[in-house]
C-alpha atoms as a PDB file:
ATOM      1  CA  UNK A   1       4.131   7.480  47.846  1.00  0.00           C
ATOM      2  CA  UNK A   2       7.230   6.605  46.218  1.00  0.00           C
ATOM      3  CA  UNK A   3      10.869   7.816  45.713  1.00  0.00           C
ATOM      4  CA  UNK A   4       9.602   9.940  42.662  1.00  0.00           C
ATOM      5  CA  UNK A   5       6.272  11.356  44.607  1.00  0.00           C
ATOM      6  CA  UNK A   6       8.259  14.764  45.532  1.00  0.00           C
ATOM      7  CA  UNK A   7       9.958  15.184  42.129  1.00  0.00           C
ATOM      8  CA  UNK A   8       8.330  17.255  39.854  1.00  0.00           C
ATOM      9  CA  UNK A   9      10.152  18.550  36.413  1.00  0.00           C
ATOM     10  CA  UNK A  10       9.313  21.915  35.222  1.00  0.00           C
ATOM     11  CA  UNK A  11       8.037  21.387  31.445  1.00  0.00           C
ATOM     12  CA  UNK A  12      10.778  22.197  29.076  1.00  0.00           C
ATOM     13  CA  UNK A  13      10.796  21.621  24.846  1.00  0.00           C
ATOM     14  CA  UNK A  14      13.730  20.830  23.497  1.00  0.00           C
ATOM     15  CA  UNK A  15      15.715  23.484  21.425  1.00  0.00           C
ATOM     16  CA  UNK A  16      16.416  21.021  18.716  1.00  0.00           C
ATOM     17  CA  UNK A  17      12.835  20.333  17.430  1.00  0.00           C
ATOM     18  CA  UNK A  18      10.315  21.806  19.917  1.00  0.00           C
ATOM     19  CA  UNK A  19       9.365  18.220  20.941  1.00  0.00           C
ATOM     20  CA  UNK A  20       8.842  17.386  24.513  1.00  0.00           C
ATOM     21  CA  UNK A  21      11.250  14.280  25.439  1.00  0.00           C
ATOM     22  CA  UNK A  22      10.263  13.463  29.012  1.00  0.00           C
ATOM     23  CA  UNK A  23      10.446  10.503  31.551  1.00  0.00           C
ATOM     24  CA  UNK A  24       7.157   9.913  33.796  1.00  0.00           C
ATOM     25  CA  UNK A  25       5.439   8.483  36.273  1.00  0.00           C
ATOM     26  CA  UNK A  26       1.775   7.247  36.689  1.00  0.00           C
ATOM     27  CA  UNK A  27       0.526   6.320  39.843  1.00  0.00           C
ATOM     28  CA  UNK A  28      -2.270   4.123  41.532  1.00  0.00           C
ATOM     29  CA  UNK A  29      -3.800   6.259  44.201  1.00  0.00           C
ATOM     30  CA  UNK A  30      -5.523   3.136  45.640  1.00  0.00           C
ATOM     31  CA  UNK A  31      -2.838   0.820  46.262  1.00  0.00           C
ATOM     32  CA  UNK A  32       0.252   2.881  45.625  1.00  0.00           C
ATOM     33  CA  UNK A  33       1.791   0.806  42.854  1.00  0.00           C
ATOM     34  CA  UNK A  34       3.266   2.993  39.879  1.00  0.00           C
ATOM     35  CA  UNK A  35       4.653   2.780  36.392  1.00  0.00           C
ATOM     36  CA  UNK A  36       7.871   4.686  34.978  1.00  0.00           C
ATOM     37  CA  UNK A  37       7.820   5.139  31.758  1.00  0.00           C
ATOM     38  CA  UNK A  38       9.378   7.533  28.851  1.00  0.00           C
ATOM     39  CA  UNK A  39       7.454   9.770  26.061  1.00  0.00           C
ATOM     40  CA  UNK A  40       8.100  12.356  23.308  1.00  0.00           C
ATOM     41  CA  UNK A  41       5.346  14.584  22.264  1.00  0.00           C
ATOM     42  CA  UNK A  42       4.266  18.159  21.197  1.00  0.00           C
ATOM     43  CA  UNK A  43       1.351  18.203  23.342  1.00  0.00           C
ATOM     44  CA  UNK A  44       1.618  17.439  27.358  1.00  0.00           C
ATOM     45  CA  UNK A  45      -2.138  17.113  27.621  1.00  0.00           C
ATOM     46  CA  UNK A  46      -2.453  14.346  24.932  1.00  0.00           C
ATOM     47  CA  UNK A  47      -3.885  11.684  27.361  1.00  0.00           C
ATOM     48  CA  UNK A  48      -1.049   9.254  27.007  1.00  0.00           C
ATOM     49  CA  UNK A  49      -1.286   6.644  29.551  1.00  0.00           C
ATOM     50  CA  UNK A  50       1.558   4.492  28.888  1.00  0.00           C
ATOM     51  CA  UNK A  51       2.082   1.555  26.995  1.00  0.00           C
ATOM     52  CA  UNK A  52       2.850  -1.047  29.572  1.00  0.00           C
ATOM     53  CA  UNK A  53       0.550  -4.453  29.612  1.00  0.00           C
ATOM     54  CA  UNK A  54       0.245  -4.244  33.566  1.00  0.00           C
ATOM     55  CA  UNK A  55      -0.430  -0.402  33.834  1.00  0.00           C
ATOM     56  CA  UNK A  56      -2.838  -0.731  30.833  1.00  0.00           C
ATOM     57  CA  UNK A  57      -4.626  -3.449  32.432  1.00  0.00           C
ATOM     58  CA  UNK A  58      -4.803  -1.464  36.067  1.00  0.00           C
ATOM     59  CA  UNK A  59      -6.062   1.580  34.042  1.00  0.00           C
ATOM     60  CA  UNK A  60      -9.224  -0.897  32.441  1.00  0.00           C
ATOM     61  CA  UNK A  61      -9.807  -2.027  35.967  1.00  0.00           C
ATOM     62  CA  UNK A  62      -9.269   1.032  38.257  1.00  0.00           C
ATOM     63  CA  UNK A  63     -10.274   3.624  35.865  1.00  0.00           C
ATOM     64  CA  UNK A  64      -8.069   6.714  35.009  1.00  0.00           C
ATOM     65  CA  UNK A  65      -9.667   9.183  37.979  1.00  0.00           C
ATOM     66  CA  UNK A  66      -7.860   6.710  40.178  1.00  0.00           C
ATOM     67  CA  UNK A  67      -4.509   7.621  38.839  1.00  0.00           C
ATOM     68  CA  UNK A  68      -1.861  10.455  39.011  1.00  0.00           C
ATOM     69  CA  UNK A  69       0.492  11.295  36.141  1.00  0.00           C
ATOM     70  CA  UNK A  70       3.284  13.548  36.338  1.00  0.00           C
ATOM     71  CA  UNK A  71       6.438  14.597  34.870  1.00  0.00           C
ATOM     72  CA  UNK A  72       9.997  13.873  36.384  1.00  0.00           C
ATOM     73  CA  UNK A  73      12.476  14.743  33.621  1.00  0.00           C
ATOM     74  CA  UNK A  74      12.441  16.781  30.911  1.00  0.00           C
ATOM     75  CA  UNK A  75      15.502  16.548  28.471  1.00  0.00           C
ATOM     76  CA  UNK A  76      17.017  17.322  24.737  1.00  0.00           C
ATOM     77  CA  UNK A  77      16.687  14.428  22.602  1.00  0.00           C
ATOM     78  CA  UNK A  78      15.131  10.712  22.478  1.00  0.00           C
ATOM     79  CA  UNK A  79      18.601   9.615  23.023  1.00  0.00           C
ATOM     80  CA  UNK A  80      18.465  11.064  26.372  1.00  0.00           C
ATOM     81  CA  UNK A  81      15.323  10.440  27.128  1.00  0.00           C
ATOM     82  CA  UNK A  82      15.846   6.651  26.572  1.00  0.00           C
ATOM     83  CA  UNK A  83      19.233   6.699  28.424  1.00  0.00           C
ATOM     84  CA  UNK A  84      17.349   7.925  31.707  1.00  0.00           C
ATOM     85  CA  UNK A  85      14.658   5.369  31.653  1.00  0.00           C
ATOM     86  CA  UNK A  86      17.315   2.661  31.021  1.00  0.00           C
ATOM     87  CA  UNK A  87      18.999   3.851  34.182  1.00  0.00           C
ATOM     88  CA  UNK A  88      16.072   3.924  36.369  1.00  0.00           C
ATOM     89  CA  UNK A  89      13.932   0.920  35.226  1.00  0.00           C
ATOM     90  CA  UNK A  90      16.727  -1.944  35.400  1.00  0.00           C
ATOM     91  CA  UNK A  91      16.562  -5.590  36.723  1.00  0.00           C
ATOM     92  CA  UNK A  92      15.910  -4.607  39.913  1.00  0.00           C
ATOM     93  CA  UNK A  93      13.256  -2.305  39.522  1.00  0.00           C
ATOM     94  CA  UNK A  94      10.957  -4.559  37.360  1.00  0.00           C
ATOM     95  CA  UNK A  95      11.158  -7.061  39.838  1.00  0.00           C
ATOM     96  CA  UNK A  96       9.799  -4.894  42.534  1.00  0.00           C
ATOM     97  CA  UNK A  97       6.300  -5.927  43.840  1.00  0.00           C
ATOM     98  CA  UNK A  98       5.114  -1.935  43.699  1.00  0.00           C
ATOM     99  CA  UNK A  99       5.876  -1.169  40.116  1.00  0.00           C
ATOM    100  CA  UNK A 100       3.876  -1.950  36.881  1.00  0.00           C
ATOM    101  CA  UNK A 101       6.852  -2.169  34.656  1.00  0.00           C
ATOM    102  CA  UNK A 102       7.644  -5.502  33.647  1.00  0.00           C
ATOM    103  CA  UNK A 103      10.083  -4.631  30.797  1.00  0.00           C
ATOM    104  CA  UNK A 104      13.454  -3.255  31.097  1.00  0.00           C
ATOM    105  CA  UNK A 105      13.550   0.632  30.121  1.00  0.00           C
ATOM    106  CA  UNK A 106      15.053   1.930  27.131  1.00  0.00           C
ATOM    107  CA  UNK A 107      14.477   2.232  23.232  1.00  0.00           C
ATOM    108  CA  UNK A 108      11.554  -0.420  22.057  1.00  0.00           C
ATOM    109  CA  UNK A 109      13.235  -0.899  18.938  1.00  0.00           C
ATOM    110  CA  UNK A 110      16.648  -1.785  20.590  1.00  0.00           C
ATOM    111  CA  UNK A 111      15.446  -4.000  22.867  1.00  0.00           C
ATOM    112  CA  UNK A 112      13.404  -5.866  20.040  1.00  0.00           C
ATOM    113  CA  UNK A 113      16.749  -6.364  18.250  1.00  0.00           C
ATOM    114  CA  UNK A 114      18.160  -7.884  21.646  1.00  0.00           C
ATOM    115  CA  UNK A 115      15.149 -10.491  21.497  1.00  0.00           C
ATOM    116  CA  UNK A 116      13.235 -12.800  19.496  1.00  0.00           C
ATOM    117  CA  UNK A 117      10.127 -15.077  19.356  1.00  0.00           C
ATOM    118  CA  UNK A 118      10.382 -18.541  20.476  1.00  0.00           C
ATOM    119  CA  UNK A 119       8.062 -21.388  20.869  1.00  0.00           C
ATOM    120  CA  UNK A 120       8.112 -24.542  23.626  1.00  0.00           C
ATOM    121  CA  UNK A 121       6.909 -28.115  23.182  1.00  0.00           C
ATOM    122  CA  UNK A 122       3.366 -27.347  24.145  1.00  0.00           C
ATOM    123  CA  UNK A 123       3.070 -24.552  21.182  1.00  0.00           C
ATOM    124  CA  UNK A 124       3.324 -21.526  23.896  1.00  0.00           C
ATOM    125  CA  UNK A 125       5.150 -18.674  22.438  1.00  0.00           C
ATOM    126  CA  UNK A 126       7.415 -16.256  24.316  1.00  0.00           C
ATOM    127  CA  UNK A 127       9.763 -13.302  23.813  1.00  0.00           C
ATOM    128  CA  UNK A 128      13.550 -13.945  25.156  1.00  0.00           C
ATOM    129  CA  UNK A 129      16.939 -12.683  24.733  1.00  0.00           C
ATOM    130  CA  UNK A 130      18.661 -14.035  22.356  1.00  0.00           C
ATOM    131  CA  UNK A 131      21.084 -15.715  25.027  1.00  0.00           C
ATOM    132  CA  UNK A 132      18.536 -17.228  26.323  1.00  0.00           C
ATOM    133  CA  UNK A 133      19.863 -20.360  27.961  1.00  0.00           C
ATOM    134  CA  UNK A 134      16.783 -22.489  27.136  1.00  0.00           C
ATOM    135  CA  UNK A 135      17.344 -21.574  23.316  1.00  0.00           C
ATOM    136  CA  UNK A 136      20.727 -23.816  23.718  1.00  0.00           C
ATOM    137  CA  UNK A 137      19.242 -26.684  25.774  1.00  0.00           C
ATOM    138  CA  UNK A 138      16.320 -27.102  23.093  1.00  0.00           C
ATOM    139  CA  UNK A 139      13.755 -26.011  25.709  1.00  0.00           C
ATOM    140  CA  UNK A 140      12.992 -23.147  23.125  1.00  0.00           C
ATOM    141  CA  UNK A 141      13.397 -23.082  19.836  1.00  0.00           C
ATOM    142  CA  UNK A 142      13.087 -19.734  17.620  1.00  0.00           C
ATOM    143  CA  UNK A 143       9.748 -19.303  15.716  1.00  0.00           C
ATOM    144  CA  UNK A 144      11.406 -19.111  12.484  1.00  0.00           C
ATOM    145  CA  UNK A 145      13.473 -22.191  12.548  1.00  0.00           C
ATOM    146  CA  UNK A 146      12.776 -24.619   9.787  1.00  0.00           C
ATOM    147  CA  UNK A 147      10.389 -21.982   8.084  1.00  0.00           C
ATOM    148  CA  UNK A 148      10.732 -19.824   4.857  1.00  0.00           C
ATOM    149  CA  UNK A 149       9.434 -16.275   4.109  1.00  0.00           C
ATOM    150  CA  UNK A 150       7.832 -17.021   0.452  1.00  0.00           C
ATOM    151  CA  UNK A 151       5.613 -14.581  -1.905  1.00  0.00           C
ATOM    152  CA  UNK A 152       2.629 -15.959  -3.942  1.00  0.00           C
ATOM    153  CA  UNK A 153       1.695 -15.196  -7.427  1.00  0.00           C
ATOM    154  CA  UNK A 154      -0.413 -12.033  -6.019  1.00  0.00           C
ATOM    155  CA  UNK A 155       2.847 -11.061  -4.222  1.00  0.00           C
ATOM    156  CA  UNK A 156       1.541 -11.229  -1.049  1.00  0.00           C
ATOM    157  CA  UNK A 157       4.732 -12.330   1.376  1.00  0.00           C
ATOM    158  CA  UNK A 158       3.962 -14.454   4.557  1.00  0.00           C
ATOM    159  CA  UNK A 159       6.115 -17.211   6.105  1.00  0.00           C
ATOM    160  CA  UNK A 160       5.448 -20.976   5.749  1.00  0.00           C
ATOM    161  CA  UNK A 161       7.135 -24.526   7.112  1.00  0.00           C
ATOM    162  CA  UNK A 162      10.029 -25.278   4.736  1.00  0.00           C
ATOM    163  CA  UNK A 163       7.960 -28.713   4.020  1.00  0.00           C
ATOM    164  CA  UNK A 164       5.018 -26.651   2.964  1.00  0.00           C
ATOM    165  CA  UNK A 165       3.663 -28.502  -0.303  1.00  0.00           C
ATOM    166  CA  UNK A 166       3.196 -25.355  -1.989  1.00  0.00           C
ATOM    167  CA  UNK A 167       6.762 -24.443  -1.438  1.00  0.00           C
ATOM    168  CA  UNK A 168       8.231 -27.433  -2.574  1.00  0.00           C
ATOM    169  CA  UNK A 169       5.981 -27.450  -5.928  1.00  0.00           C
ATOM    170  CA  UNK A 170       7.320 -24.106  -6.612  1.00  0.00           C
ATOM    171  CA  UNK A 171       3.959 -22.621  -5.896  1.00  0.00           C
ATOM    172  CA  UNK A 172       5.372 -20.419  -3.485  1.00  0.00           C
ATOM    173  CA  UNK A 173       8.880 -18.733  -4.107  1.00  0.00           C
ATOM    174  CA  UNK A 174      11.412 -17.923  -1.476  1.00  0.00           C
ATOM    175  CA  UNK A 175      11.184 -14.284  -0.842  1.00  0.00           C
ATOM    176  CA  UNK A 176      13.744 -11.635   0.461  1.00  0.00           C
ATOM    177  CA  UNK A 177      14.224  -8.189   1.251  1.00  0.00           C
ATOM    178  CA  UNK A 178      16.903  -8.060  -1.618  1.00  0.00           C
ATOM    179  CA  UNK A 179      14.394  -9.269  -3.926  1.00  0.00           C
ATOM    180  CA  UNK A 180      12.445  -5.741  -3.115  1.00  0.00           C
ATOM    181  CA  UNK A 181      14.988  -3.923  -4.876  1.00  0.00           C
ATOM    182  CA  UNK A 182      14.069  -2.211  -8.227  1.00  0.00           C
ATOM    183  CA  UNK A 183      10.360  -3.027  -6.901  1.00  0.00           C
ATOM    184  CA  UNK A 184       7.575  -0.741  -5.084  1.00  0.00           C
ATOM    185  CA  UNK A 185       4.350  -1.337  -3.045  1.00  0.00           C
ATOM    186  CA  UNK A 186       1.215  -0.091  -5.231  1.00  0.00           C
ATOM    187  CA  UNK A 187      -2.376  -0.249  -4.917  1.00  0.00           C
ATOM    188  CA  UNK A 188      -5.197  -0.240  -7.109  1.00  0.00           C
ATOM    189  CA  UNK A 189      -7.101   3.149  -6.644  1.00  0.00           C
ATOM    190  CA  UNK A 190     -10.469   1.469  -7.445  1.00  0.00           C
ATOM    191  CA  UNK A 191     -10.140  -1.830  -5.223  1.00  0.00           C
ATOM    192  CA  UNK A 192      -9.799  -0.897  -1.639  1.00  0.00           C
ATOM    193  CA  UNK A 193      -7.072  -2.912   0.386  1.00  0.00           C
ATOM    194  CA  UNK A 194      -5.448  -4.506  -2.552  1.00  0.00           C
ATOM    195  CA  UNK A 195      -1.403  -3.757  -2.045  1.00  0.00           C
ATOM    196  CA  UNK A 196       1.480  -5.701  -4.219  1.00  0.00           C
ATOM    197  CA  UNK A 197       4.869  -5.352  -5.384  1.00  0.00           C
ATOM    198  CA  UNK A 198       5.541  -4.169  -9.098  1.00  0.00           C
ATOM    199  CA  UNK A 199       8.758  -3.069 -10.922  1.00  0.00           C
ATOM    200  CA  UNK A 200       9.333   0.449 -10.725  1.00  0.00           C
ATOM    201  CA  UNK A 201       9.107   0.698 -15.018  1.00  0.00           C
ATOM    202  CA  UNK A 202       5.816  -1.273 -14.886  1.00  0.00           C
ATOM    203  CA  UNK A 203       3.761   0.449 -17.211  1.00  0.00           C
ATOM    204  CA  UNK A 204       0.678   0.798 -15.282  1.00  0.00           C
ATOM    205  CA  UNK A 205       2.739   2.400 -12.457  1.00  0.00           C
ATOM    206  CA  UNK A 206       4.380   4.951 -14.749  1.00  0.00           C
ATOM    207  CA  UNK A 207       0.878   5.690 -16.206  1.00  0.00           C
ATOM    208  CA  UNK A 208      -0.533   6.312 -13.144  1.00  0.00           C
ATOM    209  CA  UNK A 209      -3.121   3.124 -13.164  1.00  0.00           C
ATOM    210  CA  UNK A 210      -1.404   2.024 -10.169  1.00  0.00           C
ATOM    211  CA  UNK A 211      -0.440   4.219  -7.530  1.00  0.00           C
ATOM    212  CA  UNK A 212       2.313   4.511  -4.445  1.00  0.00           C
ATOM    213  CA  UNK A 213       0.703   2.552  -1.675  1.00  0.00           C
ATOM    214  CA  UNK A 214       1.778   5.554   0.596  1.00  0.00           C
ATOM    215  CA  UNK A 215       0.132   8.305  -2.090  1.00  0.00           C
ATOM    216  CA  UNK A 216      -3.376   9.955  -0.890  1.00  0.00           C
ATOM    217  CA  UNK A 217      -5.969  11.437  -3.163  1.00  0.00           C
ATOM    218  CA  UNK A 218      -5.786  15.248  -2.978  1.00  0.00           C
ATOM    219  CA  UNK A 219      -9.237  15.053  -0.895  1.00  0.00           C
ATOM    220  CA  UNK A 220      -7.810  13.003   1.517  1.00  0.00           C
ATOM    221  CA  UNK A 221      -4.663  15.132   2.083  1.00  0.00           C
ATOM    222  CA  UNK A 222      -6.741  18.259   2.654  1.00  0.00           C
ATOM    223  CA  UNK A 223      -9.274  16.733   4.871  1.00  0.00           C
ATOM    224  CA  UNK A 224      -6.367  15.573   7.124  1.00  0.00           C
ATOM    225  CA  UNK A 225      -4.800  18.947   6.970  1.00  0.00           C
ATOM    226  CA  UNK A 226      -7.923  20.514   7.756  1.00  0.00           C
ATOM    227  CA  UNK A 227      -8.473  18.198  10.495  1.00  0.00           C
ATOM    228  CA  UNK A 228      -5.296  18.869  12.237  1.00  0.00           C
ATOM    229  CA  UNK A 229      -5.588  22.208  11.959  1.00  0.00           C
ATOM    230  CA  UNK A 230      -8.970  22.500  13.587  1.00  0.00           C
ATOM    231  CA  UNK A 231      -7.615  19.797  16.132  1.00  0.00           C
ATOM    232  CA  UNK A 232      -5.148  22.225  17.170  1.00  0.00           C
ATOM    233  CA  UNK A 233      -7.217  24.974  17.801  1.00  0.00           C
ATOM    234  CA  UNK A 234      -9.436  23.114  20.348  1.00  0.00           C
ATOM    235  CA  UNK A 235      -9.481  22.639  23.550  1.00  0.00           C
ATOM    236  CA  UNK A 236     -10.876  19.792  25.975  1.00  0.00           C
ATOM    237  CA  UNK A 237     -13.386  21.184  29.112  1.00  0.00           C
ATOM    238  CA  UNK A 238     -15.339  19.271  31.600  1.00  0.00           C
ATOM    239  CA  UNK A 239     -18.491  19.881  33.695  1.00  0.00           C
ATOM    240  CA  UNK A 240     -20.933  17.405  35.618  1.00  0.00           C
ATOM    241  CA  UNK A 241     -18.901  14.407  34.286  1.00  0.00           C
ATOM    242  CA  UNK A 242     -19.431  15.755  30.712  1.00  0.00           C
ATOM    243  CA  UNK A 243     -16.657  16.263  28.541  1.00  0.00           C
ATOM    244  CA  UNK A 244     -16.432  18.626  25.492  1.00  0.00           C
ATOM    245  CA  UNK A 245     -13.794  19.563  22.722  1.00  0.00           C
ATOM    246  CA  UNK A 246     -14.673  23.115  21.912  1.00  0.00           C
ATOM    247  CA  UNK A 247     -12.652  26.118  19.988  1.00  0.00           C
ATOM    248  CA  UNK A 248      -9.915  27.918  21.985  1.00  0.00           C
ATOM    249  CA  UNK A 249     -11.611  31.144  21.407  1.00  0.00           C
ATOM    250  CA  UNK A 250     -14.589  30.120  22.965  1.00  0.00           C
ATOM    251  CA  UNK A 251     -13.135  29.030  25.788  1.00  0.00           C
ATOM    252  CA  UNK A 252     -14.027  32.159  28.325  1.00  0.00           C
ATOM    253  CA  UNK A 253     -17.621  31.862  27.384  1.00  0.00           C
ATOM    254  CA  UNK A 254     -17.714  27.915  28.640  1.00  0.00           C
ATOM    255  CA  UNK A 255     -15.309  29.065  31.499  1.00  0.00           C
ATOM    256  CA  UNK A 256     -18.343  31.803  32.923  1.00  0.00           C
ATOM    257  CA  UNK A 257     -20.935  29.046  32.451  1.00  0.00           C
ATOM    258  CA  UNK A 258     -18.678  26.960  34.996  1.00  0.00           C
ATOM    259  CA  UNK A 259     -16.876  24.382  32.597  1.00  0.00           C
ATOM    260  CA  UNK A 260     -13.283  23.902  33.616  1.00  0.00           C
ATOM    261  CA  UNK A 261     -10.396  23.305  31.386  1.00  0.00           C
ATOM    262  CA  UNK A 262      -9.479  19.809  31.102  1.00  0.00           C
ATOM    263  CA  UNK A 263     -10.773  16.186  30.591  1.00  0.00           C
ATOM    264  CA  UNK A 264     -12.428  13.815  32.486  1.00  0.00           C
ATOM    265  CA  UNK A 265     -11.340  10.111  31.074  1.00  0.00           C
ATOM    266  CA  UNK A 266     -14.014   7.244  32.080  1.00  0.00           C
ATOM    267  CA  UNK A 267     -12.941   4.424  29.504  1.00  0.00           C
ATOM    268  CA  UNK A 268     -13.700   1.213  31.006  1.00  0.00           C
ATOM    269  CA  UNK A 269     -12.325  -2.117  28.832  1.00  0.00           C
ATOM    270  CA  UNK A 270     -14.679  -4.785  28.017  1.00  0.00           C
ATOM    271  CA  UNK A 271     -14.335  -7.824  29.930  1.00  0.00           C
ATOM    272  CA  UNK A 272     -12.949  -9.530  26.825  1.00  0.00           C
ATOM    273  CA  UNK A 273     -10.377  -6.858  26.578  1.00  0.00           C
ATOM    274  CA  UNK A 274      -9.511  -7.231  30.084  1.00  0.00           C
ATOM    275  CA  UNK A 275      -8.936 -10.919  29.847  1.00  0.00           C
ATOM    276  CA  UNK A 276      -6.832 -10.578  26.658  1.00  0.00           C
ATOM    277  CA  UNK A 277      -4.642  -8.037  28.314  1.00  0.00           C
ATOM    278  CA  UNK A 278      -4.436 -10.003  31.532  1.00  0.00           C
ATOM    279  CA  UNK A 279      -3.010 -12.775  29.369  1.00  0.00           C
ATOM    280  CA  UNK A 280      -0.662 -10.591  27.896  1.00  0.00           C
ATOM    281  CA  UNK A 281       0.734  -9.466  30.926  1.00  0.00           C
ATOM    282  CA  UNK A 282       0.797 -13.117  32.208  1.00  0.00           C
ATOM    283  CA  UNK A 283       2.863 -14.096  29.428  1.00  0.00           C
ATOM    284  CA  UNK A 284       5.413 -10.939  29.732  1.00  0.00           C
ATOM    285  CA  UNK A 285       5.621 -11.826  33.564  1.00  0.00           C
ATOM    286  CA  UNK A 286       6.475 -15.454  32.531  1.00  0.00           C
ATOM    287  CA  UNK A 287       9.314 -14.604  30.277  1.00  0.00           C
ATOM    288  CA  UNK A 288      10.835 -12.122  33.054  1.00  0.00           C
ATOM    289  CA  UNK A 289      10.711 -15.354  35.612  1.00  0.00           C
ATOM    290  CA  UNK A 290       7.961 -14.213  37.406  1.00  0.00           C
ATOM    291  CA  UNK A 291       4.744 -15.183  38.674  1.00  0.00           C
ATOM    292  CA  UNK A 292       1.625 -13.331  37.558  1.00  0.00           C
ATOM    293  CA  UNK A 293       1.128 -10.168  39.608  1.00  0.00           C
ATOM    294  CA  UNK A 294      -2.430  -8.768  40.618  1.00  0.00           C
ATOM    295  CA  UNK A 295      -2.920  -5.410  39.772  1.00  0.00           C
END
């Protein structure tokens, strides 16, 4: 039980765009720990299970059937949604031992702009606030310090140290977003996965030999459209621990046979995935100045 256990909001889509802008709670029914999050969706049954490292690790360990998820608020916009999450998931909330939240609430994009990657003397990487005192004392160094963004002869962009021999010799040239002006990302339709920059007036781009990276073939677009249309007309049902995705027009027939609407998720992470998620959660909690917690 927690302070949100009795708070159950009535689903209400936004009058602006028809989306559901929600705040939700996911509770572990075995130990009472819970996660508070924000989510925007057109489908409240989209099986979204939160984005936090600890809650993901907990679901992998205990399975989704041992969790309860419910919505505590519905609003009109993304700004309202994140504003409420920011008010709830503050420093005090994150420090509580009964929550799975390890990052402050709010728009992840804004959080990313307020933080930066850093590295210590041992080579361990962190994400910290830009005003973290350890950056001033030198205990941590910005990841991008003494590095430069470069482009090679194949227009691939990456970051190297300032003393990289290829950069010093001129083999790699410094690259900035300003250099992208007048250029476009293209791909060769005959070579899978090869993308690069060319000038907008490049003859190959104008002739169609090279196509914009975001362009898809007519067949691909039709397939995506048909797939979306088909999925929107289907519903999940389950019976005897079996799931099935059927057409909504056939739902009544299955109900008469004992099938129940809904889906039973039985995803179980591999040991390697659990270890990777556990290590990520420990690093996040170390940044928050807390000792790693068990889930």
